[in-house]
Amino acid sequence: MTEQPRKAFLYVVVCAAGIASGVGKLVSAAQERGWEVGVIATPVAMNGFFDTAAVEALSGRPIRSAWRTPADPRPFPPPDAVVVAPATFNTVNKWAAGLADTLAVATLCEAPGLGVPVAALPCVADALAAHPAYRESLHRLRGMGVRFGEPYSGEPQEDERRPEFGWERALDLIEADGA
């Protein structure tokens, strides 16, 4: 019997922002494009920012939020790409500074060193996006090869509706050069 080739594996890192409730859209879109998906969430995001049971059912894998012990098997294969959506102010700044204090941020810190393409969809309020540390973090991460989508503040538009969050843009960014 011929062994099936392994599908490309995508790590989706989810941060604690209200828009995180839509992360299933990203998981579904990635699967439709042929990716297998594993979700890694910040500890705060695990506290009600998205439906963890629904995302686990959709991905077919448990969501990771904490480090495994050395005796535990690796729950995901190595990533072929990593996306972080939504990427919050806190996560972007910790990532750029190399402060790998959670599995989610450690994963982001490690990916560029492994040569794995990384895309980020920031979800940061305008007042925080104006902070010099955030602007410096974006500059540093771009210098490391991280691909950024358009910023999303979540602020209502003139008609009082919030704009759509472009989940699939993360996939476009990592697939731009055949990653």
N, C-alpha and C. Protein backbone atom coordinates (compact mmCIF):
# COMPACT_ATOMS: atom_id res chain seq x y z
N MET A 1 0.85 -1.18 0.00
CA MET A 1 0.00 0.00 0.00
C MET A 1 0.89 1.24 0.00
N THR A 2 0.53 2.21 -0.81
CA THR A 2 1.30 3.45 -0.91
C THR A 2 0.90 4.39 0.21
N GLU A 3 1.91 4.97 0.84
CA GLU A 3 1.64 5.91 1.92
C GLU A 3 1.22 7.26 1.35
N GLN A 4 0.17 7.83 1.93
CA GLN A 4 -0.32 9.14 1.50
C GLN A 4 0.69 10.21 1.91
N PRO A 5 0.94 11.19 1.05
CA PRO A 5 1.84 12.28 1.47
C PRO A 5 1.19 13.06 2.61
N ARG A 6 2.03 13.55 3.50
CA ARG A 6 1.55 14.32 4.64
C ARG A 6 1.07 15.68 4.16
N LYS A 7 -0.11 16.08 4.67
CA LYS A 7 -0.61 17.42 4.38
C LYS A 7 0.26 18.44 5.10
N ALA A 8 0.35 19.62 4.54
CA ALA A 8 1.05 20.70 5.22
C ALA A 8 0.33 21.00 6.52
N PHE A 9 1.10 21.29 7.56
CA PHE A 9 0.53 21.52 8.89
C PHE A 9 0.69 22.98 9.28
N LEU A 10 -0.43 23.58 9.67
CA LEU A 10 -0.48 24.97 10.07
C LEU A 10 -0.76 25.10 11.56
N TYR A 11 0.08 25.87 12.25
CA TYR A 11 -0.21 26.23 13.63
C TYR A 11 -0.98 27.55 13.59
N VAL A 12 -2.11 27.60 14.27
CA VAL A 12 -2.89 28.83 14.42
C VAL A 12 -2.77 29.25 15.88
N VAL A 13 -2.14 30.38 16.12
CA VAL A 13 -2.00 30.92 17.47
C VAL A 13 -3.12 31.94 17.67
N VAL A 14 -3.87 31.78 18.75
CA VAL A 14 -5.02 32.63 19.05
C VAL A 14 -4.73 33.41 20.33
N CYS A 15 -4.93 34.72 20.25
CA CYS A 15 -4.74 35.58 21.42
C CYS A 15 -6.09 36.06 21.96
N ALA A 16 -6.06 36.63 23.15
CA ALA A 16 -7.27 37.08 23.83
C ALA A 16 -7.74 38.44 23.33
N ALA A 17 -8.59 38.40 22.33
CA ALA A 17 -9.27 39.60 21.82
C ALA A 17 -10.69 39.17 21.51
N GLY A 18 -11.62 40.10 21.59
CA GLY A 18 -13.01 39.76 21.34
C GLY A 18 -13.24 39.09 20.01
N ILE A 19 -12.48 39.47 19.02
CA ILE A 19 -12.61 38.91 17.67
C ILE A 19 -12.18 37.44 17.61
N ALA A 20 -11.50 36.95 18.63
CA ALA A 20 -11.05 35.55 18.65
C ALA A 20 -12.21 34.58 18.53
N SER A 21 -13.41 35.01 18.84
CA SER A 21 -14.57 34.13 18.74
C SER A 21 -14.77 33.61 17.32
N GLY A 22 -14.19 34.26 16.33
CA GLY A 22 -14.32 33.83 14.94
C GLY A 22 -13.20 32.96 14.43
N VAL A 23 -12.31 32.48 15.28
CA VAL A 23 -11.14 31.73 14.82
C VAL A 23 -11.51 30.47 14.04
N GLY A 24 -12.70 29.94 14.28
CA GLY A 24 -13.14 28.77 13.50
C GLY A 24 -13.18 29.06 12.01
N LYS A 25 -13.41 30.33 11.63
CA LYS A 25 -13.41 30.71 10.22
C LYS A 25 -12.03 30.48 9.61
N LEU A 26 -10.99 30.80 10.38
CA LEU A 26 -9.62 30.60 9.90
C LEU A 26 -9.31 29.12 9.79
N VAL A 27 -9.70 28.35 10.79
CA VAL A 27 -9.46 26.90 10.77
C VAL A 27 -10.16 26.28 9.56
N SER A 28 -11.41 26.61 9.34
CA SER A 28 -12.16 26.07 8.20
C SER A 28 -11.54 26.48 6.87
N ALA A 29 -11.17 27.75 6.75
CA ALA A 29 -10.57 28.23 5.50
C ALA A 29 -9.25 27.51 5.23
N ALA A 30 -8.46 27.31 6.27
CA ALA A 30 -7.18 26.60 6.09
C ALA A 30 -7.43 25.16 5.63
N GLN A 31 -8.38 24.51 6.24
CA GLN A 31 -8.70 23.14 5.84
C GLN A 31 -9.19 23.07 4.41
N GLU A 32 -9.99 24.05 4.00
CA GLU A 32 -10.47 24.10 2.62
C GLU A 32 -9.32 24.28 1.64
N ARG A 33 -8.23 24.90 2.09
CA ARG A 33 -7.05 25.10 1.24
C ARG A 33 -6.06 23.93 1.36
N GLY A 34 -6.43 22.89 2.09
CA GLY A 34 -5.59 21.71 2.16
C GLY A 34 -4.65 21.60 3.34
N TRP A 35 -4.76 22.49 4.30
CA TRP A 35 -3.91 22.44 5.49
C TRP A 35 -4.54 21.54 6.55
N GLU A 36 -3.68 20.87 7.32
CA GLU A 36 -4.09 20.32 8.61
C GLU A 36 -3.81 21.43 9.61
N VAL A 37 -4.60 21.51 10.66
CA VAL A 37 -4.50 22.65 11.58
C VAL A 37 -4.41 22.19 13.03
N GLY A 38 -3.51 22.82 13.76
CA GLY A 38 -3.43 22.68 15.20
C GLY A 38 -3.52 24.07 15.81
N VAL A 39 -4.32 24.22 16.85
CA VAL A 39 -4.53 25.53 17.46
C VAL A 39 -3.78 25.61 18.78
N ILE A 40 -3.08 26.72 18.96
CA ILE A 40 -2.37 27.04 20.20
C ILE A 40 -2.93 28.36 20.68
N ALA A 41 -3.38 28.42 21.91
CA ALA A 41 -3.99 29.63 22.44
C ALA A 41 -3.21 30.16 23.63
N THR A 42 -3.23 31.48 23.77
CA THR A 42 -2.67 32.06 24.97
C THR A 42 -3.54 31.61 26.15
N PRO A 43 -2.98 31.54 27.35
CA PRO A 43 -3.79 31.12 28.50
C PRO A 43 -5.02 32.00 28.69
N VAL A 44 -4.90 33.31 28.50
CA VAL A 44 -6.05 34.18 28.68
C VAL A 44 -7.11 33.90 27.61
N ALA A 45 -6.69 33.63 26.38
CA ALA A 45 -7.66 33.34 25.32
C ALA A 45 -8.49 32.10 25.63
N MET A 46 -7.93 31.18 26.41
CA MET A 46 -8.65 29.96 26.79
C MET A 46 -9.79 30.23 27.76
N ASN A 47 -9.83 31.42 28.32
CA ASN A 47 -10.84 31.77 29.32
C ASN A 47 -12.06 32.44 28.72
N GLY A 48 -12.66 31.83 27.71
CA GLY A 48 -13.92 32.31 27.18
C GLY A 48 -13.85 33.21 25.97
N PHE A 49 -12.68 33.42 25.38
CA PHE A 49 -12.59 34.28 24.21
C PHE A 49 -13.04 33.60 22.92
N PHE A 50 -13.07 32.26 22.92
CA PHE A 50 -13.59 31.52 21.78
C PHE A 50 -14.11 30.18 22.27
N ASP A 51 -14.90 29.52 21.44
CA ASP A 51 -15.52 28.25 21.80
C ASP A 51 -14.49 27.14 21.59
N THR A 52 -13.80 26.78 22.66
CA THR A 52 -12.71 25.81 22.54
C THR A 52 -13.21 24.44 22.08
N ALA A 53 -14.35 24.01 22.58
CA ALA A 53 -14.88 22.70 22.18
C ALA A 53 -15.19 22.67 20.69
N ALA A 54 -15.78 23.74 20.18
CA ALA A 54 -16.12 23.80 18.75
C ALA A 54 -14.86 23.81 17.89
N VAL A 55 -13.84 24.54 18.31
CA VAL A 55 -12.59 24.61 17.54
C VAL A 55 -11.85 23.27 17.60
N GLU A 56 -11.87 22.60 18.73
CA GLU A 56 -11.27 21.27 18.81
C GLU A 56 -11.99 20.29 17.90
N ALA A 57 -13.31 20.35 17.86
CA ALA A 57 -14.08 19.47 16.98
C ALA A 57 -13.77 19.77 15.52
N LEU A 58 -13.66 21.03 15.19
CA LEU A 58 -13.37 21.44 13.83
C LEU A 58 -11.98 21.01 13.38
N SER A 59 -10.98 21.21 14.24
CA SER A 59 -9.60 20.86 13.88
C SER A 59 -9.32 19.37 14.04
N GLY A 60 -10.11 18.71 14.89
CA GLY A 60 -9.87 17.30 15.16
C GLY A 60 -8.70 17.05 16.09
N ARG A 61 -8.26 18.11 16.76
CA ARG A 61 -7.12 18.02 17.68
C ARG A 61 -7.39 18.85 18.93
N PRO A 62 -6.77 18.49 20.04
CA PRO A 62 -6.93 19.32 21.24
C PRO A 62 -6.22 20.66 21.06
N ILE A 63 -6.75 21.69 21.67
CA ILE A 63 -6.09 22.99 21.66
C ILE A 63 -4.96 22.93 22.67
N ARG A 64 -3.83 23.46 22.28
CA ARG A 64 -2.69 23.51 23.20
C ARG A 64 -2.59 24.91 23.80
N SER A 65 -2.29 24.95 25.09
CA SER A 65 -2.10 26.23 25.75
C SER A 65 -0.95 26.16 26.75
N ALA A 66 -0.58 24.96 27.12
CA ALA A 66 0.50 24.78 28.10
C ALA A 66 1.54 23.83 27.54
N TRP A 67 2.73 23.95 28.07
CA TRP A 67 3.80 23.05 27.63
C TRP A 67 3.50 21.62 28.04
N ARG A 68 3.96 20.71 27.24
CA ARG A 68 3.84 19.29 27.57
C ARG A 68 5.06 18.90 28.40
N THR A 69 4.96 17.81 29.11
CA THR A 69 6.13 17.31 29.84
C THR A 69 7.00 16.54 28.86
N PRO A 70 8.27 16.33 29.17
CA PRO A 70 9.14 15.59 28.26
C PRO A 70 8.62 14.17 27.96
N ALA A 71 7.88 13.58 28.88
CA ALA A 71 7.36 12.23 28.67
C ALA A 71 6.13 12.19 27.75
N ASP A 72 5.47 13.34 27.58
CA ASP A 72 4.26 13.39 26.74
C ASP A 72 4.63 13.38 25.27
N PRO A 73 3.83 12.70 24.46
CA PRO A 73 4.09 12.73 23.01
C PRO A 73 3.78 14.11 22.44
N ARG A 74 4.42 14.43 21.34
CA ARG A 74 4.13 15.70 20.66
C ARG A 74 2.74 15.60 20.04
N PRO A 75 1.83 16.52 20.41
CA PRO A 75 0.47 16.42 19.88
C PRO A 75 0.32 16.90 18.44
N PHE A 76 1.27 17.71 17.96
CA PHE A 76 1.22 18.23 16.60
C PHE A 76 2.53 17.89 15.90
N PRO A 77 2.49 17.68 14.60
CA PRO A 77 3.75 17.57 13.87
C PRO A 77 4.42 18.95 13.78
N PRO A 78 5.66 19.02 13.34
CA PRO A 78 6.29 20.33 13.18
C PRO A 78 5.48 21.18 12.18
N PRO A 79 5.47 22.50 12.38
CA PRO A 79 4.67 23.35 11.49
C PRO A 79 5.34 23.61 10.15
N ASP A 80 4.51 23.71 9.12
CA ASP A 80 4.98 24.19 7.82
C ASP A 80 4.77 25.69 7.72
N ALA A 81 3.89 26.22 8.55
CA ALA A 81 3.63 27.66 8.64
C ALA A 81 2.92 27.93 9.95
N VAL A 82 3.00 29.19 10.39
CA VAL A 82 2.34 29.62 11.63
C VAL A 82 1.62 30.93 11.34
N VAL A 83 0.38 31.02 11.82
CA VAL A 83 -0.32 32.30 11.78
C VAL A 83 -0.76 32.64 13.19
N VAL A 84 -0.76 33.93 13.47
CA VAL A 84 -1.28 34.40 14.76
C VAL A 84 -2.39 35.39 14.44
N ALA A 85 -3.59 35.02 14.87
CA ALA A 85 -4.76 35.83 14.60
C ALA A 85 -5.82 35.55 15.65
N PRO A 86 -6.28 36.53 16.34
CA PRO A 86 -5.80 37.90 16.33
C PRO A 86 -4.49 38.02 17.10
N ALA A 87 -3.63 38.90 16.62
CA ALA A 87 -2.36 39.18 17.29
C ALA A 87 -2.55 40.44 18.13
N THR A 88 -2.50 40.29 19.43
CA THR A 88 -2.76 41.41 20.34
C THR A 88 -1.49 42.22 20.63
N PHE A 89 -1.71 43.40 21.17
CA PHE A 89 -0.63 44.30 21.59
C PHE A 89 0.37 43.57 22.49
N ASN A 90 -0.16 42.88 23.50
CA ASN A 90 0.69 42.18 24.46
C ASN A 90 1.53 41.10 23.78
N THR A 91 0.90 40.28 22.97
CA THR A 91 1.62 39.18 22.32
C THR A 91 2.66 39.71 21.34
N VAL A 92 2.31 40.71 20.53
CA VAL A 92 3.27 41.26 19.57
C VAL A 92 4.49 41.81 20.30
N ASN A 93 4.29 42.53 21.39
CA ASN A 93 5.42 43.11 22.11
C ASN A 93 6.27 42.04 22.81
N LYS A 94 5.63 41.05 23.41
CA LYS A 94 6.40 39.97 24.06
C LYS A 94 7.18 39.18 23.01
N TRP A 95 6.55 38.88 21.90
CA TRP A 95 7.18 38.13 20.82
C TRP A 95 8.42 38.87 20.30
N ALA A 96 8.26 40.14 20.01
CA ALA A 96 9.38 40.93 19.49
C ALA A 96 10.53 41.01 20.48
N ALA A 97 10.20 41.03 21.77
CA ALA A 97 11.22 41.11 22.81
C ALA A 97 11.81 39.74 23.16
N GLY A 98 11.25 38.67 22.61
CA GLY A 98 11.74 37.32 22.90
C GLY A 98 11.32 36.82 24.26
N LEU A 99 10.21 37.31 24.79
CA LEU A 99 9.73 36.90 26.11
C LEU A 99 8.78 35.71 25.94
N ALA A 100 9.33 34.55 25.86
CA ALA A 100 8.58 33.32 25.57
C ALA A 100 8.01 32.71 26.84
N ASP A 101 7.12 33.44 27.50
CA ASP A 101 6.60 32.99 28.79
C ASP A 101 5.35 32.14 28.68
N THR A 102 4.81 31.96 27.49
CA THR A 102 3.68 31.06 27.26
C THR A 102 4.01 30.19 26.06
N LEU A 103 3.32 29.08 25.93
CA LEU A 103 3.53 28.22 24.77
C LEU A 103 3.25 28.97 23.48
N ALA A 104 2.20 29.79 23.48
CA ALA A 104 1.84 30.54 22.27
C ALA A 104 2.98 31.47 21.85
N VAL A 105 3.49 32.26 22.76
CA VAL A 105 4.56 33.21 22.41
C VAL A 105 5.86 32.45 22.12
N ALA A 106 6.14 31.40 22.84
CA ALA A 106 7.34 30.61 22.56
C ALA A 106 7.28 30.02 21.15
N THR A 107 6.11 29.58 20.73
CA THR A 107 5.94 29.05 19.38
C THR A 107 6.25 30.13 18.35
N LEU A 108 5.74 31.33 18.60
CA LEU A 108 6.00 32.44 17.68
C LEU A 108 7.48 32.82 17.66
N CYS A 109 8.12 32.80 18.82
CA CYS A 109 9.54 33.14 18.90
C CYS A 109 10.40 32.12 18.15
N GLU A 110 10.01 30.88 18.20
CA GLU A 110 10.79 29.79 17.61
C GLU A 110 10.64 29.70 16.08
N ALA A 111 9.46 29.99 15.57
CA ALA A 111 9.16 29.75 14.15
C ALA A 111 10.14 30.41 13.18
N PRO A 112 10.45 31.70 13.32
CA PRO A 112 11.39 32.28 12.36
C PRO A 112 12.77 31.59 12.38
N GLY A 113 13.20 31.17 13.56
CA GLY A 113 14.48 30.48 13.68
C GLY A 113 14.48 29.12 13.00
N LEU A 114 13.29 28.55 12.82
CA LEU A 114 13.16 27.27 12.12
C LEU A 114 12.96 27.45 10.62
N GLY A 115 12.88 28.71 10.19
CA GLY A 115 12.64 28.98 8.78
C GLY A 115 11.20 28.77 8.35
N VAL A 116 10.30 28.79 9.32
CA VAL A 116 8.88 28.57 9.06
C VAL A 116 8.22 29.91 8.77
N PRO A 117 7.45 30.03 7.68
CA PRO A 117 6.77 31.29 7.40
C PRO A 117 5.76 31.62 8.50
N VAL A 118 5.70 32.90 8.86
CA VAL A 118 4.79 33.36 9.91
C VAL A 118 4.02 34.57 9.40
N ALA A 119 2.71 34.54 9.62
CA ALA A 119 1.85 35.67 9.29
C ALA A 119 1.09 36.08 10.54
N ALA A 120 0.87 37.38 10.67
CA ALA A 120 0.16 37.92 11.82
C ALA A 120 -0.93 38.89 11.37
N LEU A 121 -2.09 38.77 12.00
CA LEU A 121 -3.18 39.70 11.78
C LEU A 121 -3.40 40.46 13.08
N PRO A 122 -2.82 41.65 13.20
CA PRO A 122 -2.95 42.41 14.44
C PRO A 122 -4.38 42.86 14.71
N CYS A 123 -4.74 42.80 15.97
CA CYS A 123 -6.01 43.33 16.45
C CYS A 123 -5.66 44.16 17.68
N VAL A 124 -5.43 45.45 17.42
CA VAL A 124 -4.91 46.34 18.45
C VAL A 124 -5.66 47.66 18.38
N ALA A 125 -6.15 48.14 19.51
CA ALA A 125 -6.83 49.42 19.56
C ALA A 125 -5.90 50.53 19.07
N ASP A 126 -6.48 51.54 18.44
CA ASP A 126 -5.68 52.63 17.88
C ASP A 126 -4.76 53.28 18.92
N ALA A 127 -5.26 53.48 20.14
CA ALA A 127 -4.44 54.12 21.17
C ALA A 127 -3.21 53.28 21.51
N LEU A 128 -3.38 51.95 21.55
CA LEU A 128 -2.24 51.07 21.82
C LEU A 128 -1.32 50.98 20.61
N ALA A 129 -1.88 50.99 19.41
CA ALA A 129 -1.07 50.91 18.19
C ALA A 129 -0.16 52.14 18.05
N ALA A 130 -0.53 53.25 18.69
CA ALA A 130 0.29 54.46 18.65
C ALA A 130 1.47 54.41 19.60
N HIS A 131 1.51 53.42 20.48
CA HIS A 131 2.59 53.32 21.47
C HIS A 131 3.91 53.02 20.76
N PRO A 132 4.98 53.72 21.13
CA PRO A 132 6.27 53.51 20.46
C PRO A 132 6.78 52.06 20.56
N ALA A 133 6.54 51.40 21.67
CA ALA A 133 7.01 50.02 21.81
C ALA A 133 6.35 49.11 20.78
N TYR A 134 5.07 49.33 20.51
CA TYR A 134 4.36 48.52 19.52
C TYR A 134 4.92 48.75 18.12
N ARG A 135 5.12 50.02 17.76
CA ARG A 135 5.68 50.32 16.44
C ARG A 135 7.07 49.70 16.28
N GLU A 136 7.87 49.76 17.33
CA GLU A 136 9.20 49.15 17.29
C GLU A 136 9.11 47.63 17.18
N SER A 137 8.13 47.05 17.86
CA SER A 137 7.94 45.59 17.78
C SER A 137 7.58 45.16 16.36
N LEU A 138 6.67 45.90 15.72
CA LEU A 138 6.31 45.58 14.33
C LEU A 138 7.54 45.65 13.43
N HIS A 139 8.33 46.69 13.61
CA HIS A 139 9.55 46.85 12.81
C HIS A 139 10.51 45.66 13.01
N ARG A 140 10.71 45.28 14.26
CA ARG A 140 11.61 44.17 14.56
C ARG A 140 11.08 42.86 13.95
N LEU A 141 9.80 42.60 14.12
CA LEU A 141 9.22 41.36 13.60
C LEU A 141 9.24 41.32 12.08
N ARG A 142 8.97 42.45 11.44
CA ARG A 142 9.07 42.49 9.97
C ARG A 142 10.50 42.18 9.53
N GLY A 143 11.46 42.68 10.29
CA GLY A 143 12.87 42.40 10.00
C GLY A 143 13.21 40.93 10.14
N MET A 144 12.42 40.21 10.91
CA MET A 144 12.60 38.76 11.07
C MET A 144 11.84 37.98 10.00
N GLY A 145 11.15 38.69 9.12
CA GLY A 145 10.42 38.04 8.04
C GLY A 145 8.95 37.79 8.31
N VAL A 146 8.43 38.26 9.44
CA VAL A 146 7.00 38.06 9.74
C VAL A 146 6.19 38.92 8.77
N ARG A 147 5.14 38.31 8.24
CA ARG A 147 4.27 38.98 7.27
C ARG A 147 3.02 39.46 8.01
N PHE A 148 2.72 40.75 7.90
CA PHE A 148 1.59 41.33 8.61
C PHE A 148 0.45 41.70 7.69
N GLY A 149 -0.76 41.39 8.14
CA GLY A 149 -1.96 41.86 7.47
C GLY A 149 -2.27 43.27 7.94
N GLU A 150 -3.30 43.84 7.35
CA GLU A 150 -3.72 45.19 7.72
C GLU A 150 -4.12 45.22 9.19
N PRO A 151 -3.79 46.32 9.89
CA PRO A 151 -4.19 46.41 11.29
C PRO A 151 -5.71 46.46 11.42
N TYR A 152 -6.19 45.92 12.51
CA TYR A 152 -7.63 45.88 12.81
C TYR A 152 -7.80 46.40 14.22
N SER A 153 -8.54 47.50 14.37
CA SER A 153 -8.74 48.05 15.70
C SER A 153 -10.07 47.59 16.30
N GLY A 154 -10.98 47.14 15.45
CA GLY A 154 -12.29 46.74 15.93
C GLY A 154 -13.22 47.90 16.21
N GLU A 155 -12.73 49.11 15.95
CA GLU A 155 -13.56 50.30 16.20
C GLU A 155 -14.71 50.35 15.20
N PRO A 156 -15.90 50.74 15.66
CA PRO A 156 -17.04 50.85 14.73
C PRO A 156 -16.77 51.87 13.62
N GLN A 157 -17.31 51.60 12.45
CA GLN A 157 -17.20 52.52 11.32
C GLN A 157 -18.26 53.60 11.46
N GLU A 158 -18.35 54.48 10.49
CA GLU A 158 -19.32 55.57 10.55
C GLU A 158 -20.75 55.08 10.71
N ASP A 159 -21.07 53.91 10.15
CA ASP A 159 -22.42 53.36 10.26
C ASP A 159 -22.63 52.57 11.56
N GLU A 160 -21.66 52.66 12.47
CA GLU A 160 -21.69 52.01 13.78
C GLU A 160 -21.47 50.50 13.74
N ARG A 161 -21.22 49.93 12.56
CA ARG A 161 -20.91 48.50 12.48
C ARG A 161 -19.41 48.30 12.51
N ARG A 162 -19.02 47.20 13.08
CA ARG A 162 -17.59 46.87 13.11
C ARG A 162 -17.21 46.22 11.78
N PRO A 163 -16.02 46.53 11.27
CA PRO A 163 -15.60 45.89 10.03
C PRO A 163 -15.33 44.40 10.24
N GLU A 164 -15.38 43.66 9.16
CA GLU A 164 -15.07 42.23 9.23
C GLU A 164 -13.58 42.05 9.49
N PHE A 165 -13.24 41.02 10.24
CA PHE A 165 -11.84 40.67 10.46
C PHE A 165 -11.44 39.73 9.32
N GLY A 166 -10.37 40.02 8.62
CA GLY A 166 -9.97 39.27 7.44
C GLY A 166 -9.21 37.99 7.73
N TRP A 167 -9.86 37.02 8.34
CA TRP A 167 -9.21 35.77 8.75
C TRP A 167 -8.39 35.14 7.62
N GLU A 168 -8.97 35.05 6.42
CA GLU A 168 -8.28 34.37 5.33
C GLU A 168 -7.04 35.11 4.86
N ARG A 169 -6.93 36.37 5.18
CA ARG A 169 -5.74 37.14 4.80
C ARG A 169 -4.48 36.50 5.36
N ALA A 170 -4.56 35.88 6.53
CA ALA A 170 -3.39 35.20 7.10
C ALA A 170 -2.91 34.09 6.18
N LEU A 171 -3.85 33.36 5.60
CA LEU A 171 -3.49 32.29 4.68
C LEU A 171 -2.88 32.85 3.39
N ASP A 172 -3.46 33.93 2.91
CA ASP A 172 -2.91 34.57 1.71
C ASP A 172 -1.45 34.97 1.95
N LEU A 173 -1.17 35.49 3.13
CA LEU A 173 0.18 35.95 3.45
C LEU A 173 1.18 34.80 3.49
N ILE A 174 0.81 33.67 4.08
CA ILE A 174 1.79 32.58 4.16
C ILE A 174 1.89 31.80 2.85
N GLU A 175 0.85 31.90 2.01
CA GLU A 175 0.87 31.17 0.75
C GLU A 175 1.38 32.04 -0.41
N ALA A 176 1.75 33.29 -0.11
CA ALA A 176 2.12 34.23 -1.15
C ALA A 176 3.26 33.75 -2.04
N ASP A 177 4.20 33.04 -1.48
CA ASP A 177 5.34 32.57 -2.29
C ASP A 177 5.45 31.06 -2.29
N GLY A 178 4.32 30.39 -2.15
CA GLY A 178 4.33 28.93 -2.19
C GLY A 178 4.78 28.28 -0.90
N ALA A 179 4.67 29.01 0.21
CA ALA A 179 5.09 28.46 1.51
C ALA A 179 4.32 27.21 1.84
